[in-house]
Protein backbone atom coordinates (compact mmCIF):
# COMPACT_ATOMS: atom_id res chain seq x y z
CA UNK A 1 56.76 184.21 188.80
CA UNK A 2 58.80 187.28 187.96
CA UNK A 3 57.79 188.23 184.41
CA UNK A 4 60.08 191.25 184.08
CA UNK A 5 63.09 189.31 185.30
CA UNK A 6 62.22 186.52 182.90
CA UNK A 7 62.19 188.84 179.90
CA UNK A 8 65.54 190.31 180.94
CA UNK A 9 67.06 186.86 181.26
CA UNK A 10 65.72 185.78 177.89
CA UNK A 11 67.42 188.69 176.16
CA UNK A 12 70.84 187.46 177.33
CA UNK A 13 70.29 183.84 176.28
CA UNK A 14 72.88 182.15 174.06
CA UNK A 15 70.03 180.68 172.01
CA UNK A 16 69.04 182.56 168.85
CA UNK A 17 65.26 182.28 168.80
CA UNK A 18 62.49 182.48 171.37
CA UNK A 19 63.53 180.82 174.63
CA UNK A 20 61.14 178.66 176.64
CA UNK A 21 60.15 179.97 180.07
CA UNK A 22 60.95 176.50 181.37
CA UNK A 23 64.64 177.22 180.83
CA UNK A 24 64.58 179.78 183.63
CA UNK A 25 62.22 177.79 185.85
CA UNK A 26 64.84 175.04 185.94
CA UNK A 27 67.75 177.46 186.30
CA UNK A 28 69.46 176.39 183.08
CA UNK A 29 70.68 179.95 182.62
CA UNK A 30 72.83 179.49 185.73
CA UNK A 31 74.75 176.81 183.81
CA UNK A 32 75.09 179.10 180.80
CA UNK A 33 76.62 181.73 183.09
CA UNK A 34 79.35 179.20 183.92
CA UNK A 35 79.92 178.36 180.24
CA UNK A 36 78.01 175.06 180.31
CA UNK A 37 75.67 174.71 177.33
CA UNK A 38 75.61 170.95 176.67
CA UNK A 39 78.39 171.04 174.08
CA UNK A 40 79.86 167.72 175.26
CA UNK A 41 76.58 165.81 174.91
CA UNK A 42 74.51 164.44 172.06
CA UNK A 43 70.74 164.36 172.59
CA UNK A 44 68.51 162.21 170.41
CA UNK A 45 65.02 163.62 169.97
CA UNK A 46 62.94 160.57 169.10
CA UNK A 47 59.47 161.26 167.71
CA UNK A 48 57.04 160.27 164.99
CA UNK A 49 57.66 163.26 162.76
CA UNK A 50 59.59 166.49 162.22
CA UNK A 51 57.35 168.55 159.97
CA UNK A 52 58.16 172.25 159.67
CA UNK A 53 61.84 171.63 160.30
CA UNK A 54 63.10 174.03 157.62
CA UNK A 55 60.86 176.82 158.90
CA UNK A 56 62.08 176.31 162.46
CA UNK A 57 65.71 176.49 161.34
CA UNK A 58 65.01 179.63 159.30
CA UNK A 59 63.41 181.27 162.34
CA UNK A 60 66.53 180.58 164.43
CA UNK A 61 64.71 178.14 166.70
CA UNK A 62 66.99 175.25 165.70
CA UNK A 63 70.60 175.15 164.49
CA UNK A 64 71.39 174.62 160.81
CA UNK A 65 70.66 171.16 159.48
CA UNK A 66 74.39 170.66 158.93
CA UNK A 67 74.86 170.96 162.70
CA UNK A 68 72.32 168.23 163.43
CA UNK A 69 72.11 164.56 162.51
CA UNK A 70 68.91 162.97 161.22
CA UNK A 71 67.77 159.37 160.86
CA UNK A 72 64.35 158.06 159.82
CA UNK A 73 62.78 154.69 160.56
CA UNK A 74 59.64 155.57 158.61
CA UNK A 75 60.17 154.07 155.14
CA UNK A 76 57.05 155.70 153.70
CA UNK A 77 57.03 159.30 154.96
CA UNK A 78 60.66 159.79 155.93
CA UNK A 79 61.64 162.31 158.58
CA UNK A 80 58.41 164.28 158.19
CA UNK A 81 56.54 161.22 159.50
CA UNK A 82 52.95 160.86 160.65
CA UNK A 83 51.38 160.96 164.13
CA UNK A 84 49.44 158.25 165.96
CA UNK A 85 46.28 159.14 164.05
CA UNK A 86 47.96 159.23 160.65
CA UNK A 87 48.19 163.01 160.31
CA UNK A 88 51.12 165.26 159.47
CA UNK A 89 52.97 166.36 162.58
CA UNK A 90 55.45 168.98 163.74
CA UNK A 91 55.58 167.46 167.21
CA UNK A 92 59.20 166.35 166.99
CA UNK A 93 60.28 169.78 165.78
CA UNK A 94 58.60 171.46 168.77
CA UNK A 95 60.37 169.06 171.14
CA UNK A 96 63.74 169.62 169.48
CA UNK A 97 63.26 173.39 169.87
CA UNK A 98 62.77 172.98 173.62
CA UNK A 99 65.84 170.76 174.03
CA UNK A 100 67.84 173.32 172.07
CA UNK A 101 66.49 176.15 174.24
CA UNK A 102 67.70 174.42 177.41
CA UNK A 103 71.01 173.08 176.09
CA UNK A 104 71.91 175.27 173.09
CA UNK A 105 75.34 173.69 172.73
CA UNK A 106 74.16 170.08 172.60
CA UNK A 107 74.35 168.29 169.27
CA UNK A 108 70.83 167.22 168.31
CA UNK A 109 70.08 163.93 166.60
CA UNK A 110 66.56 163.88 165.13
CA UNK A 111 65.16 160.36 164.82
CA UNK A 112 61.66 159.28 163.85
CA UNK A 113 59.74 156.02 163.55
CA UNK A 114 56.43 154.82 162.13
CA UNK A 115 55.27 151.89 164.24
CA UNK A 116 56.33 149.46 166.96
CA UNK A 117 58.94 147.81 164.72
CA UNK A 118 60.30 151.19 163.71
CA UNK A 119 60.52 152.22 167.33
CA UNK A 120 62.51 149.13 168.26
CA UNK A 121 64.90 149.65 165.34
CA UNK A 122 65.33 153.32 166.26
CA UNK A 123 66.15 152.45 169.87
CA UNK A 124 68.72 149.90 168.73
CA UNK A 125 70.35 152.44 166.41
CA UNK A 126 70.48 155.10 169.16
CA UNK A 127 72.07 152.70 171.64
CA UNK A 128 74.55 151.39 169.06
CA UNK A 129 75.48 154.98 168.17
CA UNK A 130 76.44 155.71 171.76
CA UNK A 131 74.06 158.67 172.14
CA UNK A 132 73.91 159.30 175.90
CA UNK A 133 70.55 161.13 176.26
CA UNK A 134 67.19 160.52 174.57
CA UNK A 135 64.07 162.67 174.68
CA UNK A 136 60.96 160.66 173.70
CA UNK A 137 57.64 162.47 174.14
CA UNK A 138 55.20 159.80 173.06
CA UNK A 139 53.20 156.87 174.44
CA UNK A 140 51.75 153.81 172.79
CA UNK A 141 48.41 152.57 174.05
CA UNK A 142 48.74 148.84 173.59
CA UNK A 143 49.72 147.16 176.86
CA UNK A 144 50.85 145.58 179.04
CA UNK A 145 51.75 148.59 181.13
CA UNK A 146 53.91 146.80 183.69
CA UNK A 147 57.30 147.35 182.05
CA UNK A 148 57.27 143.97 180.31
CA UNK A 149 56.04 145.07 176.87
CA UNK A 150 58.11 145.28 173.69
CA UNK A 151 58.64 149.05 173.90
CA UNK A 152 59.53 149.01 177.60
CA UNK A 153 62.01 146.19 177.10
CA UNK A 154 63.64 148.08 174.24
CA UNK A 155 64.05 151.10 176.54
CA UNK A 156 65.44 148.92 179.32
CA UNK A 157 67.96 147.49 176.87
CA UNK A 158 69.07 150.99 175.85
CA UNK A 159 69.46 152.02 179.48
CA UNK A 160 71.57 148.94 180.15
CA UNK A 161 73.86 150.11 177.32
CA UNK A 162 74.34 153.57 178.83
CA UNK A 163 71.45 155.64 177.46
CA UNK A 164 69.59 158.03 179.76
CA UNK A 165 66.07 157.55 178.40
CA UNK A 166 63.78 160.48 179.23
CA UNK A 167 60.14 159.65 178.42
CA UNK A 168 56.81 161.39 178.91
CA UNK A 169 54.56 159.73 181.47
CA UNK A 170 51.61 160.60 179.21
CA UNK A 171 48.60 162.90 179.14
CA UNK A 172 46.08 160.27 180.17
CA UNK A 173 45.04 161.40 183.64
CA UNK A 174 41.55 162.11 182.29
CA UNK A 175 41.64 159.57 179.45
CA UNK A 176 42.29 156.36 181.38
CA UNK A 177 39.91 153.78 182.82
CA UNK A 178 40.71 150.84 185.07
CA UNK A 179 38.35 148.06 186.06
CA UNK A 180 37.73 144.31 186.11
CA UNK A 181 35.48 143.43 183.17
CA UNK A 182 33.50 140.24 182.99
CA UNK A 183 32.74 138.07 179.97
CA UNK A 184 29.51 139.99 179.32
CA UNK A 185 31.47 143.24 179.04
CA UNK A 186 31.65 146.52 180.92
CA UNK A 187 30.46 149.74 179.30
CA UNK A 188 32.57 152.92 179.30
CA UNK A 189 30.52 155.95 178.23
CA UNK A 190 32.20 158.46 175.91
CA UNK A 191 31.02 161.71 174.31
CA UNK A 192 33.19 162.44 171.27
CA UNK A 193 32.71 165.63 169.26
CA UNK A 194 31.79 165.51 165.57
CA UNK A 195 34.94 165.76 163.49
CA UNK A 196 37.09 164.18 166.19
CA UNK A 197 39.21 161.09 165.53
CA UNK A 198 39.29 158.46 168.25
CA UNK A 199 41.81 155.72 169.00
CA UNK A 200 42.04 153.45 172.02
CA UNK A 201 44.26 150.84 173.60
CA UNK A 202 44.07 148.39 176.50
CA UNK A 203 46.39 146.32 178.60
CA UNK A 204 46.49 143.85 181.47
CA UNK A 205 48.90 141.61 183.32
CA UNK A 206 48.39 137.93 184.03
CA UNK A 207 49.20 134.72 182.19
CA UNK A 208 46.29 133.34 180.20
CA UNK A 209 44.08 136.40 180.58
CA UNK A 210 42.66 137.99 177.44
CA UNK A 211 40.40 140.96 176.80
CA UNK A 212 39.04 142.91 173.87
CA UNK A 213 37.84 146.49 173.47
CA UNK A 214 34.87 147.30 171.24
CA UNK A 215 34.03 150.73 169.83
CA UNK A 216 30.29 150.94 169.24
CA UNK A 217 27.84 153.45 167.75
CA UNK A 218 24.11 153.68 168.45
CA UNK A 219 21.86 152.70 165.55
CA UNK A 220 18.55 154.32 164.76
CA UNK A 221 16.68 151.27 166.09
CA UNK A 222 18.32 151.59 169.51
CA UNK A 223 20.84 148.76 169.06
CA UNK A 224 24.61 149.18 169.12
CA UNK A 225 26.78 148.53 166.07
CA UNK A 226 30.43 147.61 166.33
CA UNK A 227 32.62 150.09 164.44
CA UNK A 228 36.06 148.91 165.55
CA UNK A 229 37.76 146.53 167.96
CA UNK A 230 41.24 146.08 169.40
CA UNK A 231 43.60 143.80 167.50
CA UNK A 232 46.59 141.69 168.56
CA UNK A 233 48.52 144.89 169.36
CA UNK A 234 45.75 145.67 171.89
CA UNK A 235 44.92 148.86 170.00
CA UNK A 236 41.97 149.96 167.91
CA UNK A 237 42.35 151.62 164.52
CA UNK A 238 41.52 155.35 164.34
CA UNK A 239 37.78 156.02 164.17
CA UNK A 240 36.39 159.24 162.67
CA UNK A 241 33.38 160.70 164.48
CA UNK A 242 30.58 162.19 162.37
CA UNK A 243 28.02 162.64 165.13
CA UNK A 244 25.79 160.21 166.97
CA UNK A 245 26.10 158.39 170.30
CA UNK A 246 29.11 156.22 171.08
CA UNK A 247 30.38 153.90 173.77
CA UNK A 248 33.20 151.49 174.55
CA UNK A 249 32.75 147.94 175.80
CA UNK A 250 35.66 146.09 177.36
CA UNK A 251 35.21 142.31 177.65
CA UNK A 252 37.21 139.52 179.21
CA UNK A 253 37.50 136.78 176.61
CA UNK A 254 39.73 134.23 178.38
CA UNK A 255 41.46 133.50 181.68
CA UNK A 256 40.92 134.78 185.17
CA UNK A 257 39.44 138.14 186.12
CA UNK A 258 42.22 140.74 186.15
CA UNK A 259 42.27 144.54 186.18
CA UNK A 260 42.27 145.99 182.68
CA UNK A 261 43.49 149.47 181.73
CA UNK A 262 41.86 151.32 178.83
CA UNK A 263 43.51 154.40 177.32
CA UNK A 264 42.06 156.96 174.92
CA UNK A 265 44.19 158.97 172.50
CA UNK A 266 41.76 161.92 172.29
CA UNK A 267 38.40 161.47 174.04
CA UNK A 268 38.08 161.97 177.79
CA UNK A 269 36.28 159.50 180.05
CA UNK A 270 34.67 162.13 182.29
CA UNK A 271 33.55 160.80 185.66
CA UNK A 272 34.68 157.28 184.69
CA UNK A 273 38.31 158.39 184.33
CA UNK A 274 40.93 157.12 186.78
CA UNK A 275 44.16 159.10 187.07
CA UNK A 276 45.92 156.41 189.11
CA UNK A 277 47.64 153.88 186.87
CA UNK A 278 47.47 156.12 183.78
CA UNK A 279 51.14 155.78 182.70
CA UNK A 280 51.28 154.21 179.24
CA UNK A 281 54.25 152.51 177.61
CA UNK A 282 57.22 153.02 177.36
CA UNK A 283 56.90 155.47 180.25
CA UNK A 284 56.29 152.36 182.38
CA UNK A 285 59.79 151.03 181.67
CA UNK A 286 62.14 150.55 184.60
CA UNK A 287 64.88 152.16 182.50
CA UNK A 288 62.80 155.22 181.68
CA UNK A 289 63.18 158.50 183.54
CA UNK A 290 59.47 159.26 183.24
CA UNK A 291 58.28 162.86 183.34
CA UNK A 292 54.99 164.43 184.44
CA UNK A 293 53.76 167.96 183.79
CA UNK A 294 53.60 171.10 185.95
CA UNK A 295 53.05 174.58 184.52
CA UNK A 296 56.26 176.64 184.49
CA UNK A 297 54.42 179.18 186.62
CA UNK A 298 53.08 176.76 189.23
CA UNK A 299 53.67 173.81 191.54
CA UNK A 300 50.57 171.61 191.08
CA UNK A 301 50.54 168.69 188.64
CA UNK A 302 48.30 169.16 185.63
CA UNK A 303 45.08 167.15 185.77
CA UNK A 304 45.94 165.37 182.55
CA UNK A 305 49.44 164.39 183.69
CA UNK A 306 49.67 160.60 183.99
CA UNK A 307 50.64 159.00 187.27
CA UNK A 308 51.28 155.49 188.57
CA UNK A 309 51.31 153.03 189.96
CA UNK A 310 52.21 150.88 186.98
CA UNK A 311 50.41 147.57 186.58
CA UNK A 312 53.20 145.93 188.59
CA UNK A 313 52.97 148.52 191.40
CA UNK A 314 55.90 150.89 190.71
CA UNK A 315 55.71 154.64 191.26
CA UNK A 316 55.74 156.91 188.20
CA UNK A 317 56.45 159.60 187.15
CA UNK A 318 59.99 159.89 188.43
CA UNK A 319 59.86 163.71 188.36
CA UNK A 320 58.11 166.56 186.54
CA UNK A 321 59.18 169.25 184.11
CA UNK A 322 57.78 172.65 183.11
CA UNK A 323 55.00 172.94 180.53
CA UNK A 324 52.74 175.59 178.92
CA UNK A 325 55.78 177.28 177.41
CA UNK A 326 56.60 179.12 174.21
CA UNK A 327 59.74 178.05 172.36
CA UNK A 328 58.53 179.27 168.97
CA UNK A 329 56.43 182.42 168.65
CA UNK A 330 54.20 180.73 166.07
CA UNK A 331 53.26 178.03 168.60
CA UNK A 332 52.59 179.72 171.95
CA UNK A 333 51.67 177.62 174.95
CA UNK A 334 53.27 174.30 174.01
CA UNK A 335 51.92 171.97 176.67
CA UNK A 336 51.62 168.42 177.93
CA UNK A 337 54.10 165.98 179.36
CA UNK A 338 55.76 166.15 175.94
CA UNK A 339 57.10 169.64 176.60
CA UNK A 340 58.05 168.67 180.15
CA UNK A 341 60.08 165.72 178.87
CA UNK A 342 62.05 167.80 176.36
CA UNK A 343 62.96 170.24 179.16
CA UNK A 344 64.26 167.43 181.36
CA UNK A 345 66.30 165.95 178.51
CA UNK A 346 67.91 169.35 177.93
CA UNK A 347 68.61 169.67 181.64
CA UNK A 348 70.21 166.22 181.59
CA UNK A 349 72.64 167.39 178.90
CA UNK A 350 73.70 170.37 181.02
CA UNK A 351 74.11 168.31 184.19
CA UNK A 352 76.07 165.67 182.29
CA UNK A 353 78.43 168.31 180.91
CA UNK A 354 78.87 169.78 184.38
CA UNK A 355 79.82 166.39 185.78
CA UNK A 356 82.25 165.75 182.94
CA UNK A 357 83.89 169.13 183.56
CA UNK A 358 84.32 168.40 187.27
CA UNK A 359 85.48 164.81 186.82
CA UNK A 360 82.36 163.34 188.43
CA UNK A 361 80.75 160.16 187.13
CA UNK A 362 78.56 160.82 184.10
CA UNK A 363 77.29 157.32 183.35
CA UNK A 364 73.56 156.79 182.99
CA UNK A 365 72.88 155.73 186.58
CA UNK A 366 75.00 158.48 188.17
CA UNK A 367 73.37 161.04 185.88
CA UNK A 368 69.89 159.78 186.66
CA UNK A 369 70.57 159.91 190.41
CA UNK A 370 71.93 163.46 190.16
CA UNK A 371 68.90 164.67 188.19
CA UNK A 372 66.55 163.26 190.83
CA UNK A 373 68.66 164.65 193.67
CA UNK A 374 68.46 168.17 192.26
CA UNK A 375 64.69 168.12 191.72
CA UNK A 376 62.68 170.59 193.78
CA UNK A 377 60.21 168.73 195.96
CA UNK A 378 56.54 169.51 195.34
CA UNK A 379 53.45 168.46 197.25
CA UNK A 380 51.87 165.45 195.55
CA UNK A 381 54.66 162.89 195.28
CA UNK A 382 52.40 160.31 193.61
CA UNK A 383 51.93 162.73 190.71
CA UNK A 384 55.25 164.63 190.79
CA UNK A 385 57.81 162.05 191.95
CA UNK A 386 61.05 163.67 193.08
CA UNK A 387 59.66 167.08 192.08
CA UNK A 388 60.41 169.77 189.50
CA UNK A 389 63.54 169.19 187.45
CA UNK A 390 66.18 171.84 187.90
CA UNK A 391 69.77 172.45 186.96
CA UNK A 392 70.56 175.20 189.46
CA UNK A 393 70.59 174.23 193.15
CA UNK A 394 72.58 177.20 194.49
CA UNK A 395 70.82 179.72 196.70
CA UNK A 396 70.97 183.43 195.88
CA UNK A 397 73.41 185.67 197.71
CA UNK A 398 71.79 188.52 199.63
CA UNK A 399 73.13 191.91 200.66
CA UNK A 400 71.02 193.64 203.33
CA UNK A 401 71.60 197.25 204.35
CA UNK A 402 69.75 198.72 207.35
CA UNK A 403 70.71 202.37 208.01
CA UNK A 404 70.41 203.89 211.47
CA UNK A 405 67.35 205.87 212.56
CA UNK A 406 63.76 205.19 213.55
CA UNK A 407 62.52 205.14 209.90
CA UNK A 408 65.35 203.67 207.84
CA UNK A 409 64.99 202.67 204.19
CA UNK A 410 66.00 199.03 204.11
CA UNK A 411 67.78 198.04 200.90
CA UNK A 412 68.12 194.50 199.63
CA UNK A 413 70.00 193.21 196.61
CA UNK A 414 70.09 189.54 195.70
CA UNK A 415 72.51 188.10 193.17
CA UNK A 416 72.12 184.75 191.46
CA UNK A 417 73.66 182.94 188.51
CA UNK A 418 70.11 182.15 187.37
CA UNK A 419 67.06 184.39 187.29
CA UNK A 420 65.62 185.90 190.46
CA UNK A 421 61.94 185.42 191.15
CA UNK A 422 61.29 187.72 194.12
CA UNK A 423 62.61 189.32 197.29
CA UNK A 424 60.46 189.55 200.44
CA UNK A 425 61.03 191.76 203.47
CA UNK A 426 59.55 190.98 206.89
CA UNK A 427 59.64 193.07 210.04
CA UNK A 428 58.85 191.38 213.35
CA UNK A 429 57.11 188.55 211.52
CA UNK A 430 54.97 190.77 209.31
CA UNK A 431 55.46 190.87 205.53
CA UNK A 432 56.27 194.46 204.64
CA UNK A 433 56.85 194.06 200.93
CA UNK A 434 57.40 191.45 198.23
CA UNK A 435 58.97 192.61 195.00
CA UNK A 436 59.68 190.63 191.80
CA UNK A 437 63.30 190.53 190.76
CA UNK A 438 66.54 190.98 192.73
CA UNK A 439 66.15 194.44 194.30
CA UNK A 440 63.94 195.83 197.06
CA UNK A 441 63.90 199.13 198.97
CA UNK A 442 61.37 199.76 201.72
CA UNK A 443 61.05 202.33 204.49
CA UNK A 444 60.15 200.73 207.82
CA UNK A 445 59.25 201.89 211.34
CA UNK A 446 61.36 200.47 214.11
CA UNK A 447 59.77 200.05 217.52
CA UNK A 448 61.66 200.56 220.76
CA UNK A 449 63.58 197.47 221.80
CA UNK A 450 64.47 194.52 219.56
CA UNK A 451 63.32 194.40 215.92
CA UNK A 452 63.62 191.28 213.80
CA UNK A 453 64.30 191.91 210.12
CA UNK A 454 64.10 188.96 207.76
CA UNK A 455 64.73 188.82 204.00
CA UNK A 456 63.77 185.90 201.76
CA UNK A 457 65.22 185.84 198.26
CA UNK A 458 64.05 183.15 195.83
CA UNK A 459 65.18 182.39 192.29
CA UNK A 460 62.97 180.88 189.60
CA UNK A 461 64.45 177.43 190.18
CA UNK A 462 63.10 177.50 193.75
CA UNK A 463 66.37 178.06 195.61
CA UNK A 464 65.75 180.34 198.60
CA UNK A 465 68.14 182.31 200.78
CA UNK A 466 67.03 183.65 204.16
CA UNK A 467 68.91 186.44 205.94
CA UNK A 468 67.94 187.56 209.45
CA UNK A 469 69.14 190.55 211.42
CA UNK A 470 68.16 191.93 214.80
CA UNK A 471 68.17 195.72 215.24
CA UNK A 472 67.77 197.17 218.73
CA UNK A 473 66.39 200.67 219.13
CA UNK A 474 66.80 202.28 222.53
């Protein structure tokens, strides 16, 4: 990607702090150039905690607290919250920074929750408040993962009431196992590091079927001791690792043999991992616009990025967003499907505002369809869905000047409302030069007879213009 052009674009951003590279990868700056910043749209950033919020505001990464709305569904820790392992977290603050980077005019509503009940109450409050876009970068590991669980149904209910729910597909591509365990149990080897905290979940579909997950540690006499097991929520409690050998055992305890999915919050499954089917809940919801991860510099899905099919056979993710970005200089390289989701939610605010301004439908289903239509197709559709989210779908404009003479200096200038990535010049099928940014000048040799000159100009959002000209030298 064009680093110099990216820096130049960042300096003209309407945002006050550091601006995520994903902004320019999606072409959000093209909307800014037309005066569209998300000002007509509220975006709820739903997370487990917003630690470091005051510091982020002071650094100019978020607007003043008086310009945002906050609501907590964590009666113990309040808006600061706690993460899935019980630790302090700034995760929600990082996600809010990214949404603000993409849609600096959108009014942010920061909402957190503590558990499943808190999540359901938060979703109900968001829907009742009429907030049109939600960014939720979290997954719960207790199944089922077929869209029928409590979280997925809450999301579906919000979507039915007009909420565009943008959810991470999850980072479980290397932390997911699928198999058919028997009553004697199936072992899943794990190799946690000392000091690590583990947590697991499982899920299955099928009436009457039941399964349990055991976390075991090797004793000195060679036997295995149970340290934790899944409860009625199909999750294990957090387990602190202080060394030793560990394993998981998943057992069918009732009903027919059915495939069971096991998810790990932190520890990878190595060769036993299965990327297919690794979308947790509520990313499995029918009403969720589920987002996978691709680096802002690249086109390939990240290995950790969860993919479908869901337990009931549906494709997920629906699209991907940019990750490995910096939206706060103190936290470089913010990654995961979390960051990707916040980018897509910000893009949704811009696209919604654009449709409102032009009189087009802006309801949840029209907005969802437009977001998917604009996505830039990538290679692996099972892992990337409709492709990379983007706001800008307009190709650059190209001016090509070819002076007379045998050795003319060809000059190219591309203009674009977004940020240019590169300009390429070809002569008779051969690439003569590729230059980052919007401008290129190159001396060429023209042979006798017909010469084919071709220019390809591409912006960071992936829109490409091609200009061809034939020059005949006699």
